[in-house]
Amino acid sequence: KALKKAKIYIAIETNGTLKAPQGIDWICMSPKANTTIELTEGSEIKVIYPQENLNPIDFNNMNFTNYYIQPLDSEDYVTNVSKSVKFCMQHPNWKLSLQTHKILGIR
């Protein structure tokens, strides 16, 4: 409440296993496989793709403004980029995004 009173913009990133408190200006959910999702709405959802036991389609019925697919950074990165592009082409409500921090070497 003090942050809102000071007119500070509040943005969070969460895995979605807890509901967000009231008053958050921007909510980004990045769900993980094999977790129970409690959060069903927000500003954006970004899914690392592909992941075993995590299908982005399962989030289509949720109320997010933006839907992003990010290729999994692994030894098969080129393949994962290709799979991500193909997924986005087949599901136009999802947009391709990149894990910029990994490209820049920030871990």
PDB file of N, CA and C in Angstrom:
ATOM      1  N   LYS A   1       0.829  -1.195   0.000  1.00  0.00           N
ATOM      2  CA  LYS A   1       0.000   0.000   0.000  1.00  0.00           C
ATOM      3  C   LYS A   1       0.871   1.255   0.000  1.00  0.00           C
ATOM      4  N   ALA A   2       2.003   1.180   0.714  1.00  0.00           N
ATOM      5  CA  ALA A   2       2.893   2.339   0.778  1.00  0.00           C
ATOM      6  C   ALA A   2       3.476   2.648  -0.596  1.00  0.00           C
ATOM      7  N   LEU A   3       3.801   1.613  -1.365  1.00  0.00           N
ATOM      8  CA  LEU A   3       4.333   1.832  -2.715  1.00  0.00           C
ATOM      9  C   LEU A   3       3.293   2.498  -3.602  1.00  0.00           C
ATOM     10  N   LYS A   4       2.062   2.033  -3.528  1.00  0.00           N
ATOM     11  CA  LYS A   4       0.999   2.631  -4.338  1.00  0.00           C
ATOM     12  C   LYS A   4       0.753   4.078  -3.904  1.00  0.00           C
ATOM     13  N   LYS A   5       0.801   4.310  -2.609  1.00  0.00           N
ATOM     14  CA  LYS A   5       0.601   5.666  -2.099  1.00  0.00           C
ATOM     15  C   LYS A   5       1.696   6.593  -2.618  1.00  0.00           C
ATOM     16  N   ALA A   6       2.908   6.056  -2.778  1.00  0.00           N
ATOM     17  CA  ALA A   6       4.034   6.834  -3.303  1.00  0.00           C
ATOM     18  C   ALA A   6       4.030   6.879  -4.831  1.00  0.00           C
ATOM     19  N   LYS A   7       2.968   6.326  -5.441  1.00  0.00           N
ATOM     20  CA  LYS A   7       2.801   6.309  -6.902  1.00  0.00           C
ATOM     21  C   LYS A   7       3.924   5.548  -7.611  1.00  0.00           C
ATOM     22  N   ILE A   8       4.369   4.475  -6.981  1.00  0.00           N
ATOM     23  CA  ILE A   8       5.399   3.620  -7.572  1.00  0.00           C
ATOM     24  C   ILE A   8       4.715   2.505  -8.355  1.00  0.00           C
ATOM     25  N   TYR A   9       5.160   2.317  -9.589  1.00  0.00           N
ATOM     26  CA  TYR A   9       4.632   1.270 -10.466  1.00  0.00           C
ATOM     27  C   TYR A   9       5.176  -0.070  -9.987  1.00  0.00           C
ATOM     28  N   ILE A  10       4.292  -1.018  -9.775  1.00  0.00           N
ATOM     29  CA  ILE A  10       4.690  -2.315  -9.231  1.00  0.00           C
ATOM     30  C   ILE A  10       4.550  -3.380 -10.309  1.00  0.00           C
ATOM     31  N   ALA A  11       5.662  -4.047 -10.618  1.00  0.00           N
ATOM     32  CA  ALA A  11       5.678  -5.136 -11.590  1.00  0.00           C
ATOM     33  C   ALA A  11       6.322  -6.351 -10.935  1.00  0.00           C
ATOM     34  N   ILE A  12       5.723  -7.521 -11.169  1.00  0.00           N
ATOM     35  CA  ILE A  12       6.275  -8.748 -10.605  1.00  0.00           C
ATOM     36  C   ILE A  12       6.342  -9.835 -11.672  1.00  0.00           C
ATOM     37  N   GLU A  13       7.234 -10.789 -11.441  1.00  0.00           N
ATOM     38  CA  GLU A  13       7.245 -12.028 -12.211  1.00  0.00           C
ATOM     39  C   GLU A  13       7.068 -13.158 -11.214  1.00  0.00           C
ATOM     40  N   THR A  14       6.208 -14.094 -11.549  1.00  0.00           N
ATOM     41  CA  THR A  14       5.864 -15.180 -10.650  1.00  0.00           C
ATOM     42  C   THR A  14       5.721 -16.482 -11.429  1.00  0.00           C
ATOM     43  N   ASN A  15       5.853 -17.605 -10.734  1.00  0.00           N
ATOM     44  CA  ASN A  15       5.596 -18.888 -11.386  1.00  0.00           C
ATOM     45  C   ASN A  15       4.112 -19.235 -11.361  1.00  0.00           C
ATOM     46  N   GLY A  16       3.307 -18.425 -10.690  1.00  0.00           N
ATOM     47  CA  GLY A  16       1.858 -18.593 -10.704  1.00  0.00           C
ATOM     48  C   GLY A  16       1.303 -19.553  -9.674  1.00  0.00           C
ATOM     49  N   THR A  17       2.137 -20.040  -8.766  1.00  0.00           N
ATOM     50  CA  THR A  17       1.648 -20.996  -7.774  1.00  0.00           C
ATOM     51  C   THR A  17       0.887 -20.327  -6.630  1.00  0.00           C
ATOM     52  N   LEU A  18       0.950 -19.003  -6.568  1.00  0.00           N
ATOM     53  CA  LEU A  18       0.175 -18.232  -5.593  1.00  0.00           C
ATOM     54  C   LEU A  18      -0.590 -17.143  -6.328  1.00  0.00           C
ATOM     55  N   LYS A  19      -1.752 -16.784  -5.811  1.00  0.00           N
ATOM     56  CA  LYS A  19      -2.486 -15.663  -6.391  1.00  0.00           C
ATOM     57  C   LYS A  19      -1.747 -14.374  -6.049  1.00  0.00           C
ATOM     58  N   ALA A  20      -1.815 -13.419  -6.956  1.00  0.00           N
ATOM     59  CA  ALA A  20      -1.133 -12.140  -6.735  1.00  0.00           C
ATOM     60  C   ALA A  20      -1.974 -11.248  -5.823  1.00  0.00           C
ATOM     61  N   PRO A  21      -1.321 -10.467  -4.978  1.00  0.00           N
ATOM     62  CA  PRO A  21      -2.070  -9.519  -4.148  1.00  0.00           C
ATOM     63  C   PRO A  21      -2.659  -8.406  -5.008  1.00  0.00           C
ATOM     64  N   GLN A  22      -3.646  -7.735  -4.486  1.00  0.00           N
ATOM     65  CA  GLN A  22      -4.264  -6.606  -5.180  1.00  0.00           C
ATOM     66  C   GLN A  22      -3.262  -5.462  -5.313  1.00  0.00           C
ATOM     67  N   GLY A  23      -3.428  -4.651  -6.352  1.00  0.00           N
ATOM     68  CA  GLY A  23      -2.626  -3.449  -6.506  1.00  0.00           C
ATOM     69  C   GLY A  23      -1.379  -3.595  -7.348  1.00  0.00           C
ATOM     70  N   ILE A  24      -1.141  -4.765  -7.924  1.00  0.00           N
ATOM     71  CA  ILE A  24       0.032  -4.962  -8.784  1.00  0.00           C
ATOM     72  C   ILE A  24      -0.294  -4.400 -10.166  1.00  0.00           C
ATOM     73  N   ASP A  25       0.586  -3.566 -10.707  1.00  0.00           N
ATOM     74  CA  ASP A  25       0.338  -2.933 -12.007  1.00  0.00           C
ATOM     75  C   ASP A  25       0.633  -3.860 -13.184  1.00  0.00           C
ATOM     76  N   TRP A  26       1.656  -4.680 -13.078  1.00  0.00           N
ATOM     77  CA  TRP A  26       2.049  -5.575 -14.177  1.00  0.00           C
ATOM     78  C   TRP A  26       2.400  -6.925 -13.584  1.00  0.00           C
ATOM     79  N   ILE A  27       1.705  -7.963 -14.052  1.00  0.00           N
ATOM     80  CA  ILE A  27       1.964  -9.318 -13.573  1.00  0.00           C
ATOM     81  C   ILE A  27       2.413 -10.168 -14.748  1.00  0.00           C
ATOM     82  N   CYS A  28       3.612 -10.721 -14.622  1.00  0.00           N
ATOM     83  CA  CYS A  28       4.150 -11.650 -15.612  1.00  0.00           C
ATOM     84  C   CYS A  28       4.222 -13.026 -14.959  1.00  0.00           C
ATOM     85  N   MET A  29       3.576 -14.007 -15.585  1.00  0.00           N
ATOM     86  CA  MET A  29       3.643 -15.368 -15.066  1.00  0.00           C
ATOM     87  C   MET A  29       4.499 -16.221 -15.986  1.00  0.00           C
ATOM     88  N   SER A  30       5.439 -16.933 -15.388  1.00  0.00           N
ATOM     89  CA  SER A  30       6.284 -17.877 -16.111  1.00  0.00           C
ATOM     90  C   SER A  30       6.141 -19.229 -15.411  1.00  0.00           C
ATOM     91  N   PRO A  31       5.141 -20.014 -15.822  1.00  0.00           N
ATOM     92  CA  PRO A  31       4.851 -21.257 -15.109  1.00  0.00           C
ATOM     93  C   PRO A  31       5.934 -22.309 -15.296  1.00  0.00           C
ATOM     94  N   LYS A  32       6.041 -23.164 -14.321  1.00  0.00           N
ATOM     95  CA  LYS A  32       6.990 -24.277 -14.355  1.00  0.00           C
ATOM     96  C   LYS A  32       6.205 -25.582 -14.431  1.00  0.00           C
ATOM     97  N   ALA A  33       6.815 -26.599 -15.011  1.00  0.00           N
ATOM     98  CA  ALA A  33       6.178 -27.911 -15.116  1.00  0.00           C
ATOM     99  C   ALA A  33       5.971 -28.518 -13.732  1.00  0.00           C
ATOM    100  N   ASN A  34       4.954 -29.342 -13.631  1.00  0.00           N
ATOM    101  CA  ASN A  34       4.663 -30.107 -12.415  1.00  0.00           C
ATOM    102  C   ASN A  34       4.374 -29.234 -11.201  1.00  0.00           C
ATOM    103  N   THR A  35       3.714 -28.091 -11.428  1.00  0.00           N
ATOM    104  CA  THR A  35       3.281 -27.233 -10.329  1.00  0.00           C
ATOM    105  C   THR A  35       1.781 -27.008 -10.457  1.00  0.00           C
ATOM    106  N   THR A  36       1.156 -26.603  -9.374  1.00  0.00           N
ATOM    107  CA  THR A  36      -0.261 -26.263  -9.389  1.00  0.00           C
ATOM    108  C   THR A  36      -0.381 -24.757  -9.560  1.00  0.00           C
ATOM    109  N   ILE A  37      -1.025 -24.346 -10.640  1.00  0.00           N
ATOM    110  CA  ILE A  37      -1.156 -22.926 -10.962  1.00  0.00           C
ATOM    111  C   ILE A  37      -2.401 -22.354 -10.293  1.00  0.00           C
ATOM    112  N   GLU A  38      -2.230 -21.279  -9.538  1.00  0.00           N
ATOM    113  CA  GLU A  38      -3.332 -20.581  -8.878  1.00  0.00           C
ATOM    114  C   GLU A  38      -3.678 -19.269  -9.583  1.00  0.00           C
ATOM    115  N   LEU A  39      -2.703 -18.670 -10.226  1.00  0.00           N
ATOM    116  CA  LEU A  39      -2.898 -17.387 -10.902  1.00  0.00           C
ATOM    117  C   LEU A  39      -3.493 -17.640 -12.283  1.00  0.00           C
ATOM    118  N   THR A  40      -4.572 -16.948 -12.619  1.00  0.00           N
ATOM    119  CA  THR A  40      -5.227 -17.189 -13.910  1.00  0.00           C
ATOM    120  C   THR A  40      -5.382 -15.929 -14.750  1.00  0.00           C
ATOM    121  N   GLU A  41      -4.815 -14.825 -14.294  1.00  0.00           N
ATOM    122  CA  GLU A  41      -4.907 -13.595 -15.077  1.00  0.00           C
ATOM    123  C   GLU A  41      -3.709 -12.705 -14.790  1.00  0.00           C
ATOM    124  N   GLY A  42      -3.394 -11.872 -15.774  1.00  0.00           N
ATOM    125  CA  GLY A  42      -2.275 -10.962 -15.605  1.00  0.00           C
ATOM    126  C   GLY A  42      -1.952 -10.252 -16.898  1.00  0.00           C
ATOM    127  N   SER A  43      -0.831  -9.587 -16.902  1.00  0.00           N
ATOM    128  CA  SER A  43      -0.407  -8.799 -18.053  1.00  0.00           C
ATOM    129  C   SER A  43       0.236  -9.663 -19.121  1.00  0.00           C
ATOM    130  N   GLU A  44       1.022 -10.645 -18.703  1.00  0.00           N
ATOM    131  CA  GLU A  44       1.660 -11.521 -19.683  1.00  0.00           C
ATOM    132  C   GLU A  44       1.961 -12.878 -19.067  1.00  0.00           C
ATOM    133  N   ILE A  45       1.998 -13.858 -19.940  1.00  0.00           N
ATOM    134  CA  ILE A  45       2.452 -15.192 -19.574  1.00  0.00           C
ATOM    135  C   ILE A  45       3.554 -15.549 -20.552  1.00  0.00           C
ATOM    136  N   LYS A  46       4.636 -16.083 -20.032  1.00  0.00           N
ATOM    137  CA  LYS A  46       5.717 -16.529 -20.912  1.00  0.00           C
ATOM    138  C   LYS A  46       6.081 -17.957 -20.535  1.00  0.00           C
ATOM    139  N   VAL A  47       6.063 -18.806 -21.552  1.00  0.00           N
ATOM    140  CA  VAL A  47       6.298 -20.225 -21.349  1.00  0.00           C
ATOM    141  C   VAL A  47       7.577 -20.623 -22.070  1.00  0.00           C
ATOM    142  N   ILE A  48       8.494 -21.238 -21.327  1.00  0.00           N
ATOM    143  CA  ILE A  48       9.703 -21.793 -21.929  1.00  0.00           C
ATOM    144  C   ILE A  48       9.272 -23.048 -22.691  1.00  0.00           C
ATOM    145  N   TYR A  49       9.730 -23.156 -23.951  1.00  0.00           N
ATOM    146  CA  TYR A  49       9.219 -24.212 -24.839  1.00  0.00           C
ATOM    147  C   TYR A  49      10.343 -24.848 -25.633  1.00  0.00           C
ATOM    148  N   PRO A  50      10.309 -26.159 -25.800  1.00  0.00           N
ATOM    149  CA  PRO A  50       9.373 -27.110 -25.192  1.00  0.00           C
ATOM    150  C   PRO A  50       9.829 -27.529 -23.793  1.00  0.00           C
ATOM    151  N   GLN A  51       8.856 -27.894 -22.998  1.00  0.00           N
ATOM    152  CA  GLN A  51       9.115 -28.438 -21.665  1.00  0.00           C
ATOM    153  C   GLN A  51       8.274 -29.685 -21.488  1.00  0.00           C
ATOM    154  N   GLU A  52       8.863 -30.709 -20.933  1.00  0.00           N
ATOM    155  CA  GLU A  52       8.106 -31.910 -20.629  1.00  0.00           C
ATOM    156  C   GLU A  52       7.074 -31.582 -19.557  1.00  0.00           C
ATOM    157  N   ASN A  53       5.875 -32.069 -19.716  1.00  0.00           N
ATOM    158  CA  ASN A  53       4.778 -31.877 -18.758  1.00  0.00           C
ATOM    159  C   ASN A  53       4.301 -30.436 -18.641  1.00  0.00           C
ATOM    160  N   LEU A  54       4.527 -29.622 -19.678  1.00  0.00           N
ATOM    161  CA  LEU A  54       4.002 -28.257 -19.674  1.00  0.00           C
ATOM    162  C   LEU A  54       3.592 -27.899 -21.100  1.00  0.00           C
ATOM    163  N   ASN A  55       2.283 -27.852 -21.332  1.00  0.00           N
ATOM    164  CA  ASN A  55       1.747 -27.547 -22.652  1.00  0.00           C
ATOM    165  C   ASN A  55       1.155 -26.142 -22.640  1.00  0.00           C
ATOM    166  N   PRO A  56       1.683 -25.226 -23.440  1.00  0.00           N
ATOM    167  CA  PRO A  56       1.165 -23.857 -23.457  1.00  0.00           C
ATOM    168  C   PRO A  56      -0.335 -23.774 -23.732  1.00  0.00           C
ATOM    169  N   ILE A  57      -0.862 -24.715 -24.492  1.00  0.00           N
ATOM    170  CA  ILE A  57      -2.290 -24.722 -24.810  1.00  0.00           C
ATOM    171  C   ILE A  57      -3.137 -24.752 -23.539  1.00  0.00           C
ATOM    172  N   ASP A  58      -2.616 -25.357 -22.486  1.00  0.00           N
ATOM    173  CA  ASP A  58      -3.355 -25.443 -21.224  1.00  0.00           C
ATOM    174  C   ASP A  58      -3.628 -24.073 -20.609  1.00  0.00           C
ATOM    175  N   PHE A  59      -2.936 -23.033 -21.074  1.00  0.00           N
ATOM    176  CA  PHE A  59      -3.103 -21.691 -20.514  1.00  0.00           C
ATOM    177  C   PHE A  59      -3.986 -20.796 -21.386  1.00  0.00           C
ATOM    178  N   ASN A  60      -4.456 -21.314 -22.516  1.00  0.00           N
ATOM    179  CA  ASN A  60      -5.252 -20.497 -23.435  1.00  0.00           C
ATOM    180  C   ASN A  60      -6.546 -19.981 -22.828  1.00  0.00           C
ATOM    181  N   ASN A  61      -7.105 -20.695 -21.860  1.00  0.00           N
ATOM    182  CA  ASN A  61      -8.372 -20.266 -21.270  1.00  0.00           C
ATOM    183  C   ASN A  61      -8.181 -19.272 -20.130  1.00  0.00           C
ATOM    184  N   MET A  62      -6.960 -18.880 -19.868  1.00  0.00           N
ATOM    185  CA  MET A  62      -6.682 -17.903 -18.813  1.00  0.00           C
ATOM    186  C   MET A  62      -6.734 -16.495 -19.388  1.00  0.00           C
ATOM    187  N   ASN A  63      -6.822 -15.524 -18.519  1.00  0.00           N
ATOM    188  CA  ASN A  63      -7.020 -14.141 -18.937  1.00  0.00           C
ATOM    189  C   ASN A  63      -5.716 -13.336 -18.823  1.00  0.00           C
ATOM    190  N   PHE A  64      -4.844 -13.523 -19.820  1.00  0.00           N
ATOM    191  CA  PHE A  64      -3.612 -12.746 -19.902  1.00  0.00           C
ATOM    192  C   PHE A  64      -3.692 -11.845 -21.122  1.00  0.00           C
ATOM    193  N   THR A  65      -3.113 -10.673 -21.029  1.00  0.00           N
ATOM    194  CA  THR A  65      -3.120  -9.730 -22.148  1.00  0.00           C
ATOM    195  C   THR A  65      -2.171 -10.181 -23.241  1.00  0.00           C
ATOM    196  N   ASN A  66      -1.016 -10.714 -22.856  1.00  0.00           N
ATOM    197  CA  ASN A  66       0.013 -11.136 -23.810  1.00  0.00           C
ATOM    198  C   ASN A  66       0.439 -12.567 -23.513  1.00  0.00           C
ATOM    199  N   TYR A  67       0.625 -13.341 -24.585  1.00  0.00           N
ATOM    200  CA  TYR A  67       1.052 -14.733 -24.483  1.00  0.00           C
ATOM    201  C   TYR A  67       2.360 -14.891 -25.249  1.00  0.00           C
ATOM    202  N   TYR A  68       3.431 -15.344 -24.558  1.00  0.00           N
ATOM    203  CA  TYR A  68       4.752 -15.454 -25.174  1.00  0.00           C
ATOM    204  C   TYR A  68       5.326 -16.863 -25.031  1.00  0.00           C
ATOM    205  N   ILE A  69       5.973 -17.313 -26.098  1.00  0.00           N
ATOM    206  CA  ILE A  69       6.734 -18.559 -26.106  1.00  0.00           C
ATOM    207  C   ILE A  69       8.211 -18.188 -26.182  1.00  0.00           C
ATOM    208  N   GLN A  70       9.017 -18.776 -25.304  1.00  0.00           N
ATOM    209  CA  GLN A  70      10.458 -18.544 -25.321  1.00  0.00           C
ATOM    210  C   GLN A  70      11.171 -19.881 -25.513  1.00  0.00           C
ATOM    211  N   PRO A  71      12.034 -19.987 -26.530  1.00  0.00           N
ATOM    212  CA  PRO A  71      12.740 -21.248 -26.764  1.00  0.00           C
ATOM    213  C   PRO A  71      13.596 -21.652 -25.555  1.00  0.00           C
ATOM    214  N   LEU A  72      13.507 -22.927 -25.214  1.00  0.00           N
ATOM    215  CA  LEU A  72      14.303 -23.480 -24.122  1.00  0.00           C
ATOM    216  C   LEU A  72      15.785 -23.386 -24.463  1.00  0.00           C
ATOM    217  N   ASP A  73      16.556 -22.809 -23.548  1.00  0.00           N
ATOM    218  CA  ASP A  73      18.003 -22.679 -23.729  1.00  0.00           C
ATOM    219  C   ASP A  73      18.659 -23.984 -23.284  1.00  0.00           C
ATOM    220  N   SER A  74      19.005 -24.814 -24.260  1.00  0.00           N
ATOM    221  CA  SER A  74      19.645 -26.099 -23.975  1.00  0.00           C
ATOM    222  C   SER A  74      20.578 -26.436 -25.128  1.00  0.00           C
ATOM    223  N   GLU A  75      21.157 -27.631 -25.078  1.00  0.00           N
ATOM    224  CA  GLU A  75      22.049 -28.042 -26.165  1.00  0.00           C
ATOM    225  C   GLU A  75      21.304 -28.145 -27.498  1.00  0.00           C
ATOM    226  N   ASP A  76      19.991 -28.230 -27.465  1.00  0.00           N
ATOM    227  CA  ASP A  76      19.170 -28.287 -28.681  1.00  0.00           C
ATOM    228  C   ASP A  76      18.516 -26.941 -28.985  1.00  0.00           C
ATOM    229  N   TYR A  77      19.208 -25.848 -28.691  1.00  0.00           N
ATOM    230  CA  TYR A  77      18.615 -24.515 -28.808  1.00  0.00           C
ATOM    231  C   TYR A  77      18.071 -24.236 -30.210  1.00  0.00           C
ATOM    232  N   VAL A  78      18.820 -24.565 -31.250  1.00  0.00           N
ATOM    233  CA  VAL A  78      18.367 -24.292 -32.619  1.00  0.00           C
ATOM    234  C   VAL A  78      17.069 -25.051 -32.897  1.00  0.00           C
ATOM    235  N   THR A  79      17.006 -26.294 -32.466  1.00  0.00           N
ATOM    236  CA  THR A  79      15.780 -27.086 -32.622  1.00  0.00           C
ATOM    237  C   THR A  79      14.640 -26.477 -31.821  1.00  0.00           C
ATOM    238  N   ASN A  80      14.936 -26.015 -30.609  1.00  0.00           N
ATOM    239  CA  ASN A  80      13.905 -25.418 -29.764  1.00  0.00           C
ATOM    240  C   ASN A  80      13.381 -24.115 -30.351  1.00  0.00           C
ATOM    241  N   VAL A  81      14.253 -23.336 -30.984  1.00  0.00           N
ATOM    242  CA  VAL A  81      13.801 -22.120 -31.669  1.00  0.00           C
ATOM    243  C   VAL A  81      12.850 -22.504 -32.793  1.00  0.00           C
ATOM    244  N   SER A  82      13.224 -23.493 -33.573  1.00  0.00           N
ATOM    245  CA  SER A  82      12.384 -23.949 -34.681  1.00  0.00           C
ATOM    246  C   SER A  82      11.023 -24.437 -34.180  1.00  0.00           C
ATOM    247  N   LYS A  83      11.021 -25.225 -33.119  1.00  0.00           N
ATOM    248  CA  LYS A  83       9.764 -25.713 -32.538  1.00  0.00           C
ATOM    249  C   LYS A  83       8.916 -24.558 -32.010  1.00  0.00           C
ATOM    250  N   SER A  84       9.563 -23.566 -31.415  1.00  0.00           N
ATOM    251  CA  SER A  84       8.848 -22.409 -30.875  1.00  0.00           C
ATOM    252  C   SER A  84       8.207 -21.590 -31.982  1.00  0.00           C
ATOM    253  N   VAL A  85       8.952 -21.371 -33.061  1.00  0.00           N
ATOM    254  CA  VAL A  85       8.410 -20.628 -34.208  1.00  0.00           C
ATOM    255  C   VAL A  85       7.217 -21.382 -34.785  1.00  0.00           C
ATOM    256  N   LYS A  86       7.362 -22.681 -34.954  1.00  0.00           N
ATOM    257  CA  LYS A  86       6.275 -23.501 -35.499  1.00  0.00           C
ATOM    258  C   LYS A  86       5.044 -23.421 -34.600  1.00  0.00           C
ATOM    259  N   PHE A  87       5.256 -23.507 -33.281  1.00  0.00           N
ATOM    260  CA  PHE A  87       4.138 -23.414 -32.345  1.00  0.00           C
ATOM    261  C   PHE A  87       3.415 -22.081 -32.510  1.00  0.00           C
ATOM    262  N   CYS A  88       4.167 -20.991 -32.573  1.00  0.00           N
ATOM    263  CA  CYS A  88       3.562 -19.660 -32.704  1.00  0.00           C
ATOM    264  C   CYS A  88       2.815 -19.506 -34.029  1.00  0.00           C
ATOM    265  N   MET A  89       3.336 -20.092 -35.079  1.00  0.00           N
ATOM    266  CA  MET A  89       2.656 -20.029 -36.376  1.00  0.00           C
ATOM    267  C   MET A  89       1.321 -20.785 -36.327  1.00  0.00           C
ATOM    268  N   GLN A  90       1.287 -21.868 -35.573  1.00  0.00           N
ATOM    269  CA  GLN A  90       0.068 -22.665 -35.456  1.00  0.00           C
ATOM    270  C   GLN A  90      -0.912 -22.100 -34.429  1.00  0.00           C
ATOM    271  N   HIS A  91      -0.413 -21.257 -33.540  1.00  0.00           N
ATOM    272  CA  HIS A  91      -1.236 -20.687 -32.464  1.00  0.00           C
ATOM    273  C   HIS A  91      -0.965 -19.182 -32.398  1.00  0.00           C
ATOM    274  N   PRO A  92      -1.618 -18.406 -33.266  1.00  0.00           N
ATOM    275  CA  PRO A  92      -1.275 -16.985 -33.413  1.00  0.00           C
ATOM    276  C   PRO A  92      -1.534 -16.102 -32.191  1.00  0.00           C
ATOM    277  N   ASN A  93      -2.232 -16.605 -31.186  1.00  0.00           N
ATOM    278  CA  ASN A  93      -2.370 -15.804 -29.961  1.00  0.00           C
ATOM    279  C   ASN A  93      -1.072 -15.818 -29.150  1.00  0.00           C
ATOM    280  N   TRP A  94      -0.160 -16.730 -29.486  1.00  0.00           N
ATOM    281  CA  TRP A  94       1.155 -16.800 -28.847  1.00  0.00           C
ATOM    282  C   TRP A  94       2.180 -16.113 -29.738  1.00  0.00           C
ATOM    283  N   LYS A  95       3.060 -15.329 -29.113  1.00  0.00           N
ATOM    284  CA  LYS A  95       4.113 -14.614 -29.839  1.00  0.00           C
ATOM    285  C   LYS A  95       5.476 -15.138 -29.393  1.00  0.00           C
ATOM    286  N   LEU A  96       6.420 -15.111 -30.318  1.00  0.00           N
ATOM    287  CA  LEU A  96       7.779 -15.546 -30.009  1.00  0.00           C
ATOM    288  C   LEU A  96       8.498 -14.469 -29.204  1.00  0.00           C
ATOM    289  N   SER A  97       9.188 -14.887 -28.171  1.00  0.00           N
ATOM    290  CA  SER A  97       9.988 -13.993 -27.343  1.00  0.00           C
ATOM    291  C   SER A  97      11.310 -14.709 -27.060  1.00  0.00           C
ATOM    292  N   LEU A  98      12.294 -13.973 -26.624  1.00  0.00           N
ATOM    293  CA  LEU A  98      13.605 -14.555 -26.333  1.00  0.00           C
ATOM    294  C   LEU A  98      13.988 -14.294 -24.885  1.00  0.00           C
ATOM    295  N   GLN A  99      14.783 -15.180 -24.327  1.00  0.00           N
ATOM    296  CA  GLN A  99      15.325 -14.986 -22.987  1.00  0.00           C
ATOM    297  C   GLN A  99      16.575 -14.116 -23.123  1.00  0.00           C
ATOM    298  N   THR A 100      16.366 -12.832 -23.228  1.00  0.00           N
ATOM    299  CA  THR A 100      17.440 -11.886 -23.518  1.00  0.00           C
ATOM    300  C   THR A 100      18.587 -11.995 -22.517  1.00  0.00           C
ATOM    301  N   HIS A 101      18.273 -12.222 -21.251  1.00  0.00           N
ATOM    302  CA  HIS A 101      19.337 -12.327 -20.245  1.00  0.00           C
ATOM    303  C   HIS A 101      20.292 -13.477 -20.562  1.00  0.00           C
ATOM    304  N   LYS A 102      19.780 -14.538 -21.149  1.00  0.00           N
ATOM    305  CA  LYS A 102      20.655 -15.660 -21.506  1.00  0.00           C
ATOM    306  C   LYS A 102      21.484 -15.333 -22.739  1.00  0.00           C
ATOM    307  N   ILE A 103      20.897 -14.645 -23.699  1.00  0.00           N
ATOM    308  CA  ILE A 103      21.636 -14.228 -24.895  1.00  0.00           C
ATOM    309  C   ILE A 103      22.789 -13.309 -24.505  1.00  0.00           C
ATOM    310  N   LEU A 104      22.554 -12.444 -23.515  1.00  0.00           N
ATOM    311  CA  LEU A 104      23.572 -11.497 -23.053  1.00  0.00           C
ATOM    312  C   LEU A 104      24.548 -12.114 -22.055  1.00  0.00           C
ATOM    313  N   GLY A 105      24.298 -13.355 -21.657  1.00  0.00           N
ATOM    314  CA  GLY A 105      25.195 -14.022 -20.719  1.00  0.00           C
ATOM    315  C   GLY A 105      24.964 -13.644 -19.273  1.00  0.00           C
ATOM    316  N   ILE A 106      23.792 -13.123 -18.958  1.00  0.00           N
ATOM    317  CA  ILE A 106      23.451 -12.777 -17.579  1.00  0.00           C
ATOM    318  C   ILE A 106      22.736 -13.975 -16.976  1.00  0.00           C
ATOM    319  N   ARG A 107      23.312 -14.549 -15.950  1.00  0.00           N
ATOM    320  CA  ARG A 107      22.734 -15.761 -15.345  1.00  0.00           C
ATOM    321  C   ARG A 107      22.212 -15.480 -13.968  1.00  0.00           C
TER     322      ARG A 107
END
